[in-house]
């Protein structure tokens, strides 16, 4: 497994973490001042990241994030697809992220793109 795969696994673990483990999972995946931007949110730092993740977890209870496709990277950049999977196995939400890794392998920034979003 590569450093890119490790970073993505920690990232998805943070997005799948329950309330009691969220703070620790965010700290393992992201640098202290990490930035996360997608079409719906623009946050920085562990506290804001945890709040954004918690909000998604509340909006989609029982759903889990899983990788979609291969992880690809070069230099300090990693790109990967993901799906948000419902308890019935469907994946109504999917996206693609590009992250910059810090020297310690944690994520310093994420630019997220939503490819599939259910109608509201």
PDB file of N, CA and C in Angstrom:
ATOM      1  N   UNK A   1       0.851  -1.184   0.000  1.00  0.00           N
ATOM      2  CA  UNK A   1       0.000   0.000   0.000  1.00  0.00           C
ATOM      3  C   UNK A   1       0.892   1.242   0.000  1.00  0.00           C
ATOM      4  N   UNK A   2       0.476   2.235  -0.745  1.00  0.00           N
ATOM      5  CA  UNK A   2       1.279   3.447  -0.874  1.00  0.00           C
ATOM      6  C   UNK A   2       0.856   4.500   0.152  1.00  0.00           C
ATOM      7  N   UNK A   3       1.659   5.537   0.267  1.00  0.00           N
ATOM      8  CA  UNK A   3       1.314   6.665   1.137  1.00  0.00           C
ATOM      9  C   UNK A   3       0.000   7.307   0.667  1.00  0.00           C
ATOM     10  N   UNK A   4      -0.254   7.278  -0.640  1.00  0.00           N
ATOM     11  CA  UNK A   4      -1.499   7.829  -1.164  1.00  0.00           C
ATOM     12  C   UNK A   4      -2.697   7.020  -0.670  1.00  0.00           C
ATOM     13  N   UNK A   5      -2.578   5.695  -0.757  1.00  0.00           N
ATOM     14  CA  UNK A   5      -3.649   4.820  -0.272  1.00  0.00           C
ATOM     15  C   UNK A   5      -3.884   5.019   1.226  1.00  0.00           C
ATOM     16  N   UNK A   6      -2.789   5.120   1.987  1.00  0.00           N
ATOM     17  CA  UNK A   6      -2.900   5.331   3.434  1.00  0.00           C
ATOM     18  C   UNK A   6      -3.652   6.626   3.741  1.00  0.00           C
ATOM     19  N   UNK A   7      -3.307   7.687   3.030  1.00  0.00           N
ATOM     20  CA  UNK A   7      -3.953   8.988   3.262  1.00  0.00           C
ATOM     21  C   UNK A   7      -5.445   8.902   2.964  1.00  0.00           C
ATOM     22  N   UNK A   8      -5.815   8.234   1.880  1.00  0.00           N
ATOM     23  CA  UNK A   8      -7.222   8.110   1.513  1.00  0.00           C
ATOM     24  C   UNK A   8      -7.963   7.239   2.525  1.00  0.00           C
ATOM     25  N   UNK A   9      -7.340   6.187   3.009  1.00  0.00           N
ATOM     26  CA  UNK A   9      -7.985   5.353   4.033  1.00  0.00           C
ATOM     27  C   UNK A   9      -8.261   6.150   5.298  1.00  0.00           C
ATOM     28  N   UNK A  10      -7.295   6.959   5.734  1.00  0.00           N
ATOM     29  CA  UNK A  10      -7.503   7.793   6.931  1.00  0.00           C
ATOM     30  C   UNK A  10      -8.590   8.842   6.674  1.00  0.00           C
ATOM     31  N   UNK A  11      -8.602   9.396   5.468  1.00  0.00           N
ATOM     32  CA  UNK A  11      -9.616  10.380   5.078  1.00  0.00           C
ATOM     33  C   UNK A  11     -11.016   9.768   5.170  1.00  0.00           C
ATOM     34  N   UNK A  12     -11.193   8.616   4.556  1.00  0.00           N
ATOM     35  CA  UNK A  12     -12.506   7.963   4.584  1.00  0.00           C
ATOM     36  C   UNK A  12     -12.870   7.517   5.998  1.00  0.00           C
ATOM     37  N   UNK A  13     -11.881   7.109   6.789  1.00  0.00           N
ATOM     38  CA  UNK A  13     -12.150   6.747   8.181  1.00  0.00           C
ATOM     39  C   UNK A  13     -12.680   7.950   8.955  1.00  0.00           C
ATOM     40  N   UNK A  14     -12.146   9.132   8.675  1.00  0.00           N
ATOM     41  CA  UNK A  14     -12.655  10.341   9.335  1.00  0.00           C
ATOM     42  C   UNK A  14     -14.100  10.606   8.927  1.00  0.00           C
ATOM     43  N   UNK A  15     -14.406  10.475   7.654  1.00  0.00           N
ATOM     44  CA  UNK A  15     -15.774  10.707   7.175  1.00  0.00           C
ATOM     45  C   UNK A  15     -16.745   9.642   7.680  1.00  0.00           C
ATOM     46  N   UNK A  16     -16.236   8.467   8.048  1.00  0.00           N
ATOM     47  CA  UNK A  16     -17.088   7.395   8.562  1.00  0.00           C
ATOM     48  C   UNK A  16     -17.109   7.323  10.087  1.00  0.00           C
ATOM     49  N   UNK A  17     -16.351   8.166  10.749  1.00  0.00           N
ATOM     50  CA  UNK A  17     -16.226   8.101  12.209  1.00  0.00           C
ATOM     51  C   UNK A  17     -17.520   8.521  12.905  1.00  0.00           C
ATOM     52  N   UNK A  18     -17.802   7.834  13.987  1.00  0.00           N
ATOM     53  CA  UNK A  18     -18.920   8.219  14.836  1.00  0.00           C
ATOM     54  C   UNK A  18     -18.521   9.386  15.718  1.00  0.00           C
ATOM     55  N   UNK A  19     -19.483   9.973  16.429  1.00  0.00           N
ATOM     56  CA  UNK A  19     -19.204  11.156  17.241  1.00  0.00           C
ATOM     57  C   UNK A  19     -18.085  10.960  18.263  1.00  0.00           C
ATOM     58  N   UNK A  20     -18.001   9.773  18.845  1.00  0.00           N
ATOM     59  CA  UNK A  20     -17.003   9.527  19.883  1.00  0.00           C
ATOM     60  C   UNK A  20     -15.589   9.384  19.339  1.00  0.00           C
ATOM     61  N   UNK A  21     -15.433   9.054  18.076  1.00  0.00           N
ATOM     62  CA  UNK A  21     -14.094   8.895  17.504  1.00  0.00           C
ATOM     63  C   UNK A  21     -13.744   9.942  16.460  1.00  0.00           C
ATOM     64  N   UNK A  22     -14.657  10.854  16.202  1.00  0.00           N
ATOM     65  CA  UNK A  22     -14.467  11.817  15.115  1.00  0.00           C
ATOM     66  C   UNK A  22     -13.246  12.704  15.318  1.00  0.00           C
ATOM     67  N   UNK A  23     -13.082  13.260  16.495  1.00  0.00           N
ATOM     68  CA  UNK A  23     -11.956  14.166  16.749  1.00  0.00           C
ATOM     69  C   UNK A  23     -10.618  13.472  16.498  1.00  0.00           C
ATOM     70  N   UNK A  24     -10.476  12.256  16.987  1.00  0.00           N
ATOM     71  CA  UNK A  24      -9.235  11.502  16.808  1.00  0.00           C
ATOM     72  C   UNK A  24      -9.018  11.146  15.329  1.00  0.00           C
ATOM     73  N   UNK A  25     -10.089  10.770  14.634  1.00  0.00           N
ATOM     74  CA  UNK A  25      -9.971  10.406  13.226  1.00  0.00           C
ATOM     75  C   UNK A  25      -9.599  11.619  12.363  1.00  0.00           C
ATOM     76  N   UNK A  26     -10.168  12.779  12.675  1.00  0.00           N
ATOM     77  CA  UNK A  26      -9.828  14.003  11.946  1.00  0.00           C
ATOM     78  C   UNK A  26      -8.360  14.352  12.167  1.00  0.00           C
ATOM     79  N   UNK A  27      -7.891  14.245  13.402  1.00  0.00           N
ATOM     80  CA  UNK A  27      -6.485  14.552  13.706  1.00  0.00           C
ATOM     81  C   UNK A  27      -5.535  13.588  12.998  1.00  0.00           C
ATOM     82  N   UNK A  28      -5.947  12.330  12.829  1.00  0.00           N
ATOM     83  CA  UNK A  28      -5.105  11.344  12.148  1.00  0.00           C
ATOM     84  C   UNK A  28      -5.048  11.598  10.645  1.00  0.00           C
ATOM     85  N   UNK A  29      -6.121  12.135  10.087  1.00  0.00           N
ATOM     86  CA  UNK A  29      -6.210  12.305   8.634  1.00  0.00           C
ATOM     87  C   UNK A  29      -5.721  13.656   8.140  1.00  0.00           C
ATOM     88  N   UNK A  30      -5.909  14.706   8.948  1.00  0.00           N
ATOM     89  CA  UNK A  30      -5.686  16.077   8.491  1.00  0.00           C
ATOM     90  C   UNK A  30      -4.665  16.818   9.345  1.00  0.00           C
ATOM     91  N   UNK A  31      -3.901  17.706   8.712  1.00  0.00           N
ATOM     92  CA  UNK A  31      -3.022  18.597   9.462  1.00  0.00           C
ATOM     93  C   UNK A  31      -3.876  19.562  10.284  1.00  0.00           C
ATOM     94  N   UNK A  32      -3.273  20.211  11.266  1.00  0.00           N
ATOM     95  CA  UNK A  32      -4.016  21.104  12.162  1.00  0.00           C
ATOM     96  C   UNK A  32      -4.766  22.204  11.427  1.00  0.00           C
ATOM     97  N   UNK A  33      -4.172  22.740  10.375  1.00  0.00           N
ATOM     98  CA  UNK A  33      -4.788  23.859   9.650  1.00  0.00           C
ATOM     99  C   UNK A  33      -5.307  23.448   8.275  1.00  0.00           C
ATOM    100  N   UNK A  34      -5.617  22.166   8.110  1.00  0.00           N
ATOM    101  CA  UNK A  34      -6.074  21.658   6.815  1.00  0.00           C
ATOM    102  C   UNK A  34      -7.310  22.408   6.331  1.00  0.00           C
ATOM    103  N   UNK A  35      -7.374  22.579   5.019  1.00  0.00           N
ATOM    104  CA  UNK A  35      -8.517  23.228   4.378  1.00  0.00           C
ATOM    105  C   UNK A  35      -9.292  22.187   3.586  1.00  0.00           C
ATOM    106  N   UNK A  36     -10.622  22.304   3.624  1.00  0.00           N
ATOM    107  CA  UNK A  36     -11.503  21.428   2.847  1.00  0.00           C
ATOM    108  C   UNK A  36     -12.515  22.311   2.128  1.00  0.00           C
ATOM    109  N   UNK A  37     -12.583  22.173   0.804  1.00  0.00           N
ATOM    110  CA  UNK A  37     -13.513  22.966   0.004  1.00  0.00           C
ATOM    111  C   UNK A  37     -14.215  22.064  -0.989  1.00  0.00           C
ATOM    112  N   UNK A  38     -15.549  22.139  -0.996  1.00  0.00           N
ATOM    113  CA  UNK A  38     -16.340  21.501  -2.039  1.00  0.00           C
ATOM    114  C   UNK A  38     -17.463  22.471  -2.396  1.00  0.00           C
ATOM    115  N   UNK A  39     -18.369  22.132  -3.295  1.00  0.00           N
ATOM    116  CA  UNK A  39     -19.406  23.103  -3.681  1.00  0.00           C
ATOM    117  C   UNK A  39     -20.321  23.550  -2.539  1.00  0.00           C
ATOM    118  N   UNK A  40     -20.358  22.798  -1.444  1.00  0.00           N
ATOM    119  CA  UNK A  40     -21.281  23.100  -0.357  1.00  0.00           C
ATOM    120  C   UNK A  40     -20.623  23.666   0.896  1.00  0.00           C
ATOM    121  N   UNK A  41     -19.315  23.536   1.020  1.00  0.00           N
ATOM    122  CA  UNK A  41     -18.653  23.940   2.265  1.00  0.00           C
ATOM    123  C   UNK A  41     -17.212  24.367   1.992  1.00  0.00           C
ATOM    124  N   UNK A  42     -16.720  25.269   2.825  1.00  0.00           N
ATOM    125  CA  UNK A  42     -15.330  25.729   2.767  1.00  0.00           C
ATOM    126  C   UNK A  42     -14.887  25.918   4.210  1.00  0.00           C
ATOM    127  N   UNK A  43     -14.104  24.972   4.730  1.00  0.00           N
ATOM    128  CA  UNK A  43     -13.720  24.995   6.147  1.00  0.00           C
ATOM    129  C   UNK A  43     -12.212  24.834   6.290  1.00  0.00           C
ATOM    130  N   UNK A  44     -11.728  25.187   7.488  1.00  0.00           N
ATOM    131  CA  UNK A  44     -10.300  25.070   7.791  1.00  0.00           C
ATOM    132  C   UNK A  44     -10.137  24.670   9.250  1.00  0.00           C
ATOM    133  N   UNK A  45      -9.213  23.738   9.490  1.00  0.00           N
ATOM    134  CA  UNK A  45      -8.880  23.323  10.845  1.00  0.00           C
ATOM    135  C   UNK A  45      -9.746  22.171  11.338  1.00  0.00           C
ATOM    136  N   UNK A  46      -9.233  21.498  12.358  1.00  0.00           N
ATOM    137  CA  UNK A  46      -9.890  20.297  12.873  1.00  0.00           C
ATOM    138  C   UNK A  46     -11.312  20.550  13.348  1.00  0.00           C
ATOM    139  N   UNK A  47     -11.543  21.641  14.056  1.00  0.00           N
ATOM    140  CA  UNK A  47     -12.871  21.895  14.611  1.00  0.00           C
ATOM    141  C   UNK A  47     -13.904  22.072  13.493  1.00  0.00           C
ATOM    142  N   UNK A  48     -13.568  22.869  12.486  1.00  0.00           N
ATOM    143  CA  UNK A  48     -14.499  23.088  11.384  1.00  0.00           C
ATOM    144  C   UNK A  48     -14.667  21.831  10.528  1.00  0.00           C
ATOM    145  N   UNK A  49     -13.579  21.084  10.330  1.00  0.00           N
ATOM    146  CA  UNK A  49     -13.676  19.823   9.593  1.00  0.00           C
ATOM    147  C   UNK A  49     -14.604  18.852  10.307  1.00  0.00           C
ATOM    148  N   UNK A  50     -14.426  18.704  11.613  1.00  0.00           N
ATOM    149  CA  UNK A  50     -15.270  17.792  12.389  1.00  0.00           C
ATOM    150  C   UNK A  50     -16.731  18.228  12.327  1.00  0.00           C
ATOM    151  N   UNK A  51     -16.983  19.528  12.381  1.00  0.00           N
ATOM    152  CA  UNK A  51     -18.354  20.030  12.304  1.00  0.00           C
ATOM    153  C   UNK A  51     -18.965  19.725  10.932  1.00  0.00           C
ATOM    154  N   UNK A  52     -18.189  19.912   9.862  1.00  0.00           N
ATOM    155  CA  UNK A  52     -18.691  19.622   8.513  1.00  0.00           C
ATOM    156  C   UNK A  52     -18.988  18.132   8.355  1.00  0.00           C
ATOM    157  N   UNK A  53     -18.076  17.299   8.818  1.00  0.00           N
ATOM    158  CA  UNK A  53     -18.281  15.851   8.737  1.00  0.00           C
ATOM    159  C   UNK A  53     -19.491  15.441   9.578  1.00  0.00           C
ATOM    160  N   UNK A  54     -19.592  15.987  10.780  1.00  0.00           N
ATOM    161  CA  UNK A  54     -20.733  15.684  11.644  1.00  0.00           C
ATOM    162  C   UNK A  54     -22.049  16.074  10.993  1.00  0.00           C
ATOM    163  N   UNK A  55     -22.069  17.200  10.290  1.00  0.00           N
ATOM    164  CA  UNK A  55     -23.273  17.634   9.600  1.00  0.00           C
ATOM    165  C   UNK A  55     -23.692  16.657   8.505  1.00  0.00           C
ATOM    166  N   UNK A  56     -22.720  16.163   7.756  1.00  0.00           N
ATOM    167  CA  UNK A  56     -23.014  15.180   6.707  1.00  0.00           C
ATOM    168  C   UNK A  56     -23.517  13.891   7.342  1.00  0.00           C
ATOM    169  N   UNK A  57     -22.891  13.472   8.440  1.00  0.00           N
ATOM    170  CA  UNK A  57     -23.302  12.231   9.122  1.00  0.00           C
ATOM    171  C   UNK A  57     -24.744  12.357   9.631  1.00  0.00           C
ATOM    172  N   UNK A  58     -25.129  13.558  10.095  1.00  0.00           N
ATOM    173  CA  UNK A  58     -26.509  13.772  10.546  1.00  0.00           C
ATOM    174  C   UNK A  58     -27.483  13.771   9.380  1.00  0.00           C
ATOM    175  N   UNK A  59     -27.067  14.333   8.250  1.00  0.00           N
ATOM    176  CA  UNK A  59     -27.921  14.406   7.071  1.00  0.00           C
ATOM    177  C   UNK A  59     -28.131  13.033   6.442  1.00  0.00           C
ATOM    178  N   UNK A  60     -27.127  12.152   6.582  1.00  0.00           N
ATOM    179  CA  UNK A  60     -27.173  10.822   5.977  1.00  0.00           C
ATOM    180  C   UNK A  60     -26.908   9.747   7.035  1.00  0.00           C
ATOM    181  N   UNK A  61     -27.801   9.585   8.002  1.00  0.00           N
ATOM    182  CA  UNK A  61     -27.572   8.598   9.063  1.00  0.00           C
ATOM    183  C   UNK A  61     -27.543   7.177   8.497  1.00  0.00           C
ATOM    184  N   UNK A  62     -26.591   6.388   8.971  1.00  0.00           N
ATOM    185  CA  UNK A  62     -26.464   5.005   8.533  1.00  0.00           C
ATOM    186  C   UNK A  62     -25.713   4.819   7.232  1.00  0.00           C
ATOM    187  N   UNK A  63     -25.345   5.896   6.558  1.00  0.00           N
ATOM    188  CA  UNK A  63     -24.587   5.828   5.311  1.00  0.00           C
ATOM    189  C   UNK A  63     -23.099   5.715   5.629  1.00  0.00           C
ATOM    190  N   UNK A  64     -22.335   5.144   4.700  1.00  0.00           N
ATOM    191  CA  UNK A  64     -20.884   5.069   4.850  1.00  0.00           C
ATOM    192  C   UNK A  64     -20.208   5.492   3.542  1.00  0.00           C
ATOM    193  N   UNK A  65     -19.042   6.085   3.697  1.00  0.00           N
ATOM    194  CA  UNK A  65     -18.230   6.454   2.545  1.00  0.00           C
ATOM    195  C   UNK A  65     -17.346   5.270   2.177  1.00  0.00           C
ATOM    196  N   UNK A  66     -17.221   5.031   0.869  1.00  0.00           N
ATOM    197  CA  UNK A  66     -16.300   3.996   0.396  1.00  0.00           C
ATOM    198  C   UNK A  66     -15.564   4.531  -0.826  1.00  0.00           C
ATOM    199  N   UNK A  67     -14.361   3.991  -1.079  1.00  0.00           N
ATOM    200  CA  UNK A  67     -13.619   4.432  -2.259  1.00  0.00           C
ATOM    201  C   UNK A  67     -14.334   3.968  -3.527  1.00  0.00           C
ATOM    202  N   UNK A  68     -14.174   4.738  -4.586  1.00  0.00           N
ATOM    203  CA  UNK A  68     -14.716   4.384  -5.902  1.00  0.00           C
ATOM    204  C   UNK A  68     -13.585   4.510  -6.907  1.00  0.00           C
ATOM    205  N   UNK A  69     -13.104   3.397  -7.380  1.00  0.00           N
ATOM    206  CA  UNK A  69     -12.001   3.421  -8.331  1.00  0.00           C
ATOM    207  C   UNK A  69     -10.650   3.448  -7.638  1.00  0.00           C
ATOM    208  N   UNK A  70      -9.635   3.569  -8.431  1.00  0.00           N
ATOM    209  CA  UNK A  70      -8.263   3.531  -7.934  1.00  0.00           C
ATOM    210  C   UNK A  70      -7.829   4.886  -7.389  1.00  0.00           C
ATOM    211  N   UNK A  71      -6.933   4.825  -6.427  1.00  0.00           N
ATOM    212  CA  UNK A  71      -6.270   6.017  -5.892  1.00  0.00           C
ATOM    213  C   UNK A  71      -5.079   6.307  -6.795  1.00  0.00           C
ATOM    214  N   UNK A  72      -4.893   7.569  -7.129  1.00  0.00           N
ATOM    215  CA  UNK A  72      -3.793   7.966  -8.006  1.00  0.00           C
ATOM    216  C   UNK A  72      -3.075   9.143  -7.372  1.00  0.00           C
ATOM    217  N   UNK A  73      -1.768   9.189  -7.507  1.00  0.00           N
ATOM    218  CA  UNK A  73      -1.040  10.310  -6.944  1.00  0.00           C
ATOM    219  C   UNK A  73       0.303  10.536  -7.590  1.00  0.00           C
ATOM    220  N   UNK A  74       0.789  11.720  -7.394  1.00  0.00           N
ATOM    221  CA  UNK A  74       2.163  12.067  -7.755  1.00  0.00           C
ATOM    222  C   UNK A  74       2.588  13.225  -6.870  1.00  0.00           C
ATOM    223  N   UNK A  75       3.863  13.271  -6.588  1.00  0.00           N
ATOM    224  CA  UNK A  75       4.418  14.277  -5.703  1.00  0.00           C
ATOM    225  C   UNK A  75       3.578  14.325  -4.420  1.00  0.00           C
ATOM    226  N   UNK A  76       3.081  15.463  -4.046  1.00  0.00           N
ATOM    227  CA  UNK A  76       2.281  15.582  -2.818  1.00  0.00           C
ATOM    228  C   UNK A  76       0.788  15.618  -3.114  1.00  0.00           C
ATOM    229  N   UNK A  77       0.391  15.183  -4.314  1.00  0.00           N
ATOM    230  CA  UNK A  77      -1.015  15.226  -4.710  1.00  0.00           C
ATOM    231  C   UNK A  77      -1.594  13.821  -4.796  1.00  0.00           C
ATOM    232  N   UNK A  78      -2.831  13.688  -4.364  1.00  0.00           N
ATOM    233  CA  UNK A  78      -3.556  12.428  -4.486  1.00  0.00           C
ATOM    234  C   UNK A  78      -4.974  12.734  -4.955  1.00  0.00           C
ATOM    235  N   UNK A  79      -5.468  11.906  -5.879  1.00  0.00           N
ATOM    236  CA  UNK A  79      -6.848  12.065  -6.336  1.00  0.00           C
ATOM    237  C   UNK A  79      -7.550  10.725  -6.204  1.00  0.00           C
ATOM    238  N   UNK A  80      -8.852  10.800  -5.906  1.00  0.00           N
ATOM    239  CA  UNK A  80      -9.606   9.578  -5.664  1.00  0.00           C
ATOM    240  C   UNK A  80     -11.100   9.860  -5.743  1.00  0.00           C
ATOM    241  N   UNK A  81     -11.830   8.839  -6.125  1.00  0.00           N
ATOM    242  CA  UNK A  81     -13.281   8.914  -6.133  1.00  0.00           C
ATOM    243  C   UNK A  81     -13.833   8.259  -4.889  1.00  0.00           C
ATOM    244  N   UNK A  82     -15.054   8.617  -4.560  1.00  0.00           N
ATOM    245  CA  UNK A  82     -15.732   8.039  -3.388  1.00  0.00           C
ATOM    246  C   UNK A  82     -17.230   8.001  -3.642  1.00  0.00           C
ATOM    247  N   UNK A  83     -17.893   7.154  -2.878  1.00  0.00           N
ATOM    248  CA  UNK A  83     -19.346   7.065  -2.908  1.00  0.00           C
ATOM    249  C   UNK A  83     -19.863   7.092  -1.480  1.00  0.00           C
ATOM    250  N   UNK A  84     -21.036   7.638  -1.307  1.00  0.00           N
ATOM    251  CA  UNK A  84     -21.737   7.611  -0.026  1.00  0.00           C
ATOM    252  C   UNK A  84     -22.829   6.557  -0.162  1.00  0.00           C
ATOM    253  N   UNK A  85     -22.684   5.469   0.588  1.00  0.00           N
ATOM    254  CA  UNK A  85     -23.502   4.278   0.412  1.00  0.00           C
ATOM    255  C   UNK A  85     -24.584   4.204   1.483  1.00  0.00           C
ATOM    256  N   UNK A  86     -25.819   4.021   1.025  1.00  0.00           N
ATOM    257  CA  UNK A  86     -26.973   3.892   1.913  1.00  0.00           C
ATOM    258  C   UNK A  86     -27.004   2.494   2.538  1.00  0.00           C
ATOM    259  N   UNK A  87     -27.757   2.337   3.623  1.00  0.00           N
ATOM    260  CA  UNK A  87     -27.888   1.007   4.235  1.00  0.00           C
ATOM    261  C   UNK A  87     -28.397  -0.062   3.264  1.00  0.00           C
ATOM    262  N   UNK A  88     -29.158   0.332   2.230  1.00  0.00           N
ATOM    263  CA  UNK A  88     -29.662  -0.649   1.263  1.00  0.00           C
ATOM    264  C   UNK A  88     -28.647  -0.994   0.175  1.00  0.00           C
ATOM    265  N   UNK A  89     -27.440  -0.401   0.239  1.00  0.00           N
ATOM    266  CA  UNK A  89     -26.387  -0.687  -0.728  1.00  0.00           C
ATOM    267  C   UNK A  89     -26.328   0.253  -1.911  1.00  0.00           C
ATOM    268  N   UNK A  90     -27.343   1.090  -2.080  1.00  0.00           N
ATOM    269  CA  UNK A  90     -27.298   2.076  -3.163  1.00  0.00           C
ATOM    270  C   UNK A  90     -26.305   3.181  -2.800  1.00  0.00           C
ATOM    271  N   UNK A  91     -25.850   3.890  -3.801  1.00  0.00           N
ATOM    272  CA  UNK A  91     -24.883   4.970  -3.584  1.00  0.00           C
ATOM    273  C   UNK A  91     -25.403   6.232  -4.249  1.00  0.00           C
ATOM    274  N   UNK A  92     -26.309   6.959  -3.577  1.00  0.00           N
ATOM    275  CA  UNK A  92     -26.930   8.122  -4.203  1.00  0.00           C
ATOM    276  C   UNK A  92     -26.011   9.336  -4.350  1.00  0.00           C
ATOM    277  N   UNK A  93     -24.902   9.350  -3.621  1.00  0.00           N
ATOM    278  CA  UNK A  93     -23.978  10.483  -3.680  1.00  0.00           C
ATOM    279  C   UNK A  93     -22.598   9.941  -4.050  1.00  0.00           C
ATOM    280  N   UNK A  94     -21.928  10.631  -4.958  1.00  0.00           N
ATOM    281  CA  UNK A  94     -20.573  10.253  -5.356  1.00  0.00           C
ATOM    282  C   UNK A  94     -19.793  11.504  -5.687  1.00  0.00           C
ATOM    283  N   UNK A  95     -18.496  11.416  -5.520  1.00  0.00           N
ATOM    284  CA  UNK A  95     -17.660  12.560  -5.821  1.00  0.00           C
ATOM    285  C   UNK A  95     -16.237  12.160  -6.120  1.00  0.00           C
ATOM    286  N   UNK A  96     -15.431  13.184  -6.301  1.00  0.00           N
ATOM    287  CA  UNK A  96     -14.033  13.030  -6.669  1.00  0.00           C
ATOM    288  C   UNK A  96     -13.262  14.111  -5.942  1.00  0.00           C
ATOM    289  N   UNK A  97     -12.200  13.748  -5.255  1.00  0.00           N
ATOM    290  CA  UNK A  97     -11.423  14.707  -4.483  1.00  0.00           C
ATOM    291  C   UNK A  97      -9.964  14.706  -4.921  1.00  0.00           C
ATOM    292  N   UNK A  98      -9.357  15.857  -4.797  1.00  0.00           N
ATOM    293  CA  UNK A  98      -7.916  16.019  -4.994  1.00  0.00           C
ATOM    294  C   UNK A  98      -7.374  16.608  -3.704  1.00  0.00           C
ATOM    295  N   UNK A  99      -6.392  15.940  -3.127  1.00  0.00           N
ATOM    296  CA  UNK A  99      -5.836  16.381  -1.850  1.00  0.00           C
ATOM    297  C   UNK A  99      -4.333  16.617  -1.979  1.00  0.00           C
ATOM    298  N   UNK A 100      -3.856  17.552  -1.183  1.00  0.00           N
ATOM    299  CA  UNK A 100      -2.433  17.817  -1.049  1.00  0.00           C
ATOM    300  C   UNK A 100      -1.987  17.227   0.276  1.00  0.00           C
ATOM    301  N   UNK A 101      -0.913  16.455   0.238  1.00  0.00           N
ATOM    302  CA  UNK A 101      -0.401  15.815   1.444  1.00  0.00           C
ATOM    303  C   UNK A 101       0.747  16.614   2.044  1.00  0.00           C
ATOM    304  N   UNK A 102       0.774  16.661   3.357  1.00  0.00           N
ATOM    305  CA  UNK A 102       1.899  17.259   4.078  1.00  0.00           C
ATOM    306  C   UNK A 102       3.028  16.227   4.154  1.00  0.00           C
ATOM    307  N   UNK A 103       4.169  16.659   4.625  1.00  0.00           N
ATOM    308  CA  UNK A 103       5.315  15.756   4.715  1.00  0.00           C
ATOM    309  C   UNK A 103       5.056  14.562   5.613  1.00  0.00           C
ATOM    310  N   UNK A 104       4.183  14.712   6.616  1.00  0.00           N
ATOM    311  CA  UNK A 104       3.886  13.603   7.527  1.00  0.00           C
ATOM    312  C   UNK A 104       2.821  12.647   6.977  1.00  0.00           C
ATOM    313  N   UNK A 105       2.335  12.906   5.743  1.00  0.00           N
ATOM    314  CA  UNK A 105       1.369  12.034   5.108  1.00  0.00           C
ATOM    315  C   UNK A 105      -0.083  12.401   5.362  1.00  0.00           C
ATOM    316  N   UNK A 106      -0.306  13.351   6.278  1.00  0.00           N
ATOM    317  CA  UNK A 106      -1.676  13.794   6.513  1.00  0.00           C
ATOM    318  C   UNK A 106      -2.091  14.781   5.427  1.00  0.00           C
ATOM    319  N   UNK A 107      -3.364  14.990   5.314  1.00  0.00           N
ATOM    320  CA  UNK A 107      -3.907  15.872   4.289  1.00  0.00           C
ATOM    321  C   UNK A 107      -3.835  17.329   4.745  1.00  0.00           C
ATOM    322  N   UNK A 108      -3.281  18.174   3.880  1.00  0.00           N
ATOM    323  CA  UNK A 108      -3.189  19.603   4.156  1.00  0.00           C
ATOM    324  C   UNK A 108      -4.331  20.376   3.497  1.00  0.00           C
ATOM    325  N   UNK A 109      -4.826  19.869   2.371  1.00  0.00           N
ATOM    326  CA  UNK A 109      -5.959  20.526   1.716  1.00  0.00           C
ATOM    327  C   UNK A 109      -6.690  19.523   0.841  1.00  0.00           C
ATOM    328  N   UNK A 110      -7.990  19.774   0.672  1.00  0.00           N
ATOM    329  CA  UNK A 110      -8.829  18.952  -0.193  1.00  0.00           C
ATOM    330  C   UNK A 110      -9.680  19.871  -1.053  1.00  0.00           C
ATOM    331  N   UNK A 111      -9.716  19.578  -2.338  1.00  0.00           N
ATOM    332  CA  UNK A 111     -10.661  20.198  -3.258  1.00  0.00           C
ATOM    333  C   UNK A 111     -11.610  19.093  -3.686  1.00  0.00           C
ATOM    334  N   UNK A 112     -12.870  19.226  -3.280  1.00  0.00           N
ATOM    335  CA  UNK A 112     -13.847  18.184  -3.539  1.00  0.00           C
ATOM    336  C   UNK A 112     -14.825  18.564  -4.635  1.00  0.00           C
ATOM    337  N   UNK A 113     -15.242  17.570  -5.394  1.00  0.00           N
ATOM    338  CA  UNK A 113     -16.200  17.746  -6.477  1.00  0.00           C
ATOM    339  C   UNK A 113     -17.313  16.728  -6.304  1.00  0.00           C
ATOM    340  N   UNK A 114     -18.544  17.177  -6.439  1.00  0.00           N
ATOM    341  CA  UNK A 114     -19.703  16.294  -6.321  1.00  0.00           C
ATOM    342  C   UNK A 114     -20.155  15.887  -7.712  1.00  0.00           C
ATOM    343  N   UNK A 115     -20.114  14.603  -7.994  1.00  0.00           N
ATOM    344  CA  UNK A 115     -20.483  14.098  -9.313  1.00  0.00           C
ATOM    345  C   UNK A 115     -21.928  13.624  -9.373  1.00  0.00           C
ATOM    346  N   UNK A 116     -22.426  13.118  -8.237  1.00  0.00           N
ATOM    347  CA  UNK A 116     -23.793  12.599  -8.192  1.00  0.00           C
ATOM    348  C   UNK A 116     -24.394  13.024  -6.854  1.00  0.00           C
ATOM    349  N   UNK A 117     -25.476  13.775  -6.914  1.00  0.00           N
ATOM    350  CA  UNK A 117     -26.151  14.253  -5.709  1.00  0.00           C
ATOM    351  C   UNK A 117     -27.646  14.062  -5.911  1.00  0.00           C
ATOM    352  N   UNK A 118     -28.348  13.523  -4.912  1.00  0.00           N
ATOM    353  CA  UNK A 118     -29.787  13.342  -5.078  1.00  0.00           C
ATOM    354  C   UNK A 118     -30.520  14.677  -5.141  1.00  0.00           C
ATOM    355  N   UNK A 119     -31.644  14.695  -5.847  1.00  0.00           N
ATOM    356  CA  UNK A 119     -32.474  15.897  -5.898  1.00  0.00           C
ATOM    357  C   UNK A 119     -33.045  16.164  -4.507  1.00  0.00           C
ATOM    358  N   UNK A 120     -33.127  17.429  -4.155  1.00  0.00           N
ATOM    359  CA  UNK A 120     -33.626  17.797  -2.827  1.00  0.00           C
ATOM    360  C   UNK A 120     -35.084  18.140  -2.903  1.00  0.00           C
TER     361      UNK A 120
END
